[in-house]
Amino acid sequence: MDEGEIRELAGRVGGVGDLVSRRSPAYRIHREAGLTDDDPRWFAILAREPRLVRRPILETDRGVAVGFDPDRWAALLAGE
């Protein structure tokens, strides 16, 4: 994803902080450097370092889920 796509997705899920994989060692490095979860610099970082984007991403006409949440996925896939 490019920076624009990441911005669009972040707007649909509640912010850039919801896209960042907090389990990644690179996440810890950026946090130690002073980035907060809502820092707009994350958009460029996620575009450059796609391994930092939480996965899987499910997008349907009902909404978007980032990361696996069985209840959220069931709600998005109901009636598909």
Protein backbone atom coordinates (compact mmCIF):
# COMPACT_ATOMS: atom_id res chain seq x y z
CA MET A 1 0.00 0.00 0.00
CA ASP A 2 1.14 3.50 -0.64
CA GLU A 3 0.80 6.34 1.85
CA GLY A 4 -2.53 7.49 0.40
CA GLU A 5 -4.05 4.01 0.67
CA ILE A 6 -2.83 3.73 4.25
CA ARG A 7 -4.41 7.09 5.10
CA GLU A 8 -7.71 5.99 3.57
CA LEU A 9 -7.68 2.67 5.42
CA ALA A 10 -6.76 4.39 8.71
CA GLY A 11 -9.75 6.66 8.28
CA ARG A 12 -12.02 3.64 7.95
CA VAL A 13 -10.73 1.76 11.01
CA GLY A 14 -10.31 4.45 13.63
CA GLY A 15 -6.85 5.82 13.01
CA VAL A 16 -3.33 4.91 12.06
CA GLY A 17 -2.70 3.40 15.49
CA ASP A 18 -5.16 0.62 14.63
CA LEU A 19 -3.03 -0.35 11.63
CA VAL A 20 0.31 -0.68 13.39
CA SER A 21 1.47 -4.15 14.45
CA ARG A 22 2.52 -3.61 18.03
CA ARG A 23 4.20 -7.03 18.16
CA SER A 24 6.79 -6.03 15.60
CA PRO A 25 10.30 -5.27 16.88
CA ALA A 26 10.34 -2.31 14.45
CA TYR A 27 7.28 -0.90 16.25
CA ARG A 28 9.20 -0.86 19.52
CA ILE A 29 12.12 0.92 17.86
CA HIS A 30 9.83 3.67 16.52
CA ARG A 31 8.07 4.00 19.88
CA GLU A 32 11.41 4.37 21.64
CA ALA A 33 12.22 7.11 19.14
CA GLY A 34 9.19 9.02 20.42
CA LEU A 35 6.36 8.17 18.01
CA THR A 36 2.95 7.87 19.60
CA ASP A 37 0.29 5.62 18.08
CA ASP A 38 -1.54 8.59 16.56
CA ASP A 39 1.58 10.27 15.12
CA PRO A 40 0.99 11.16 11.44
CA ARG A 41 4.55 10.05 10.59
CA TRP A 42 3.26 6.48 10.81
CA PHE A 43 1.66 6.84 7.36
CA ALA A 44 5.03 7.23 5.66
CA ILE A 45 6.64 4.60 7.89
CA LEU A 46 3.96 2.01 7.11
CA ALA A 47 4.31 2.72 3.39
CA ARG A 48 8.08 2.14 3.62
CA GLU A 49 7.89 -0.78 6.05
CA PRO A 50 4.79 -2.84 5.17
CA ARG A 51 5.69 -5.54 7.70
CA LEU A 52 4.48 -3.08 10.35
CA VAL A 53 0.89 -3.20 9.05
CA ARG A 54 -1.35 -5.48 11.13
CA ARG A 55 -2.72 -8.42 9.22
CA PRO A 56 -4.95 -9.90 8.02
CA ILE A 57 -7.07 -7.12 6.58
CA LEU A 58 -10.65 -7.96 5.65
CA GLU A 59 -12.57 -5.42 3.59
CA THR A 60 -16.19 -5.93 2.63
CA ASP A 61 -19.02 -3.61 1.68
CA ARG A 62 -20.01 -3.75 5.37
CA GLY A 63 -16.70 -2.47 6.70
CA VAL A 64 -13.07 -3.25 7.41
CA ALA A 65 -11.34 -5.39 10.03
CA VAL A 66 -7.62 -5.21 10.72
CA GLY A 67 -6.20 -8.18 12.59
CA PHE A 68 -8.18 -11.33 13.26
CA ASP A 69 -11.18 -10.83 15.50
CA PRO A 70 -13.60 -13.76 14.98
CA ASP A 71 -16.69 -11.80 16.02
CA ARG A 72 -15.85 -8.83 13.80
CA TRP A 73 -15.07 -11.10 10.86
CA ALA A 74 -18.34 -13.01 11.33
CA ALA A 75 -20.28 -9.73 11.35
CA LEU A 76 -18.55 -8.52 8.19
CA LEU A 77 -19.03 -11.83 6.38
CA ALA A 78 -22.65 -12.43 7.43
CA GLY A 79 -24.81 -12.78 4.37
CA GLU A 80 -21.85 -12.82 1.97
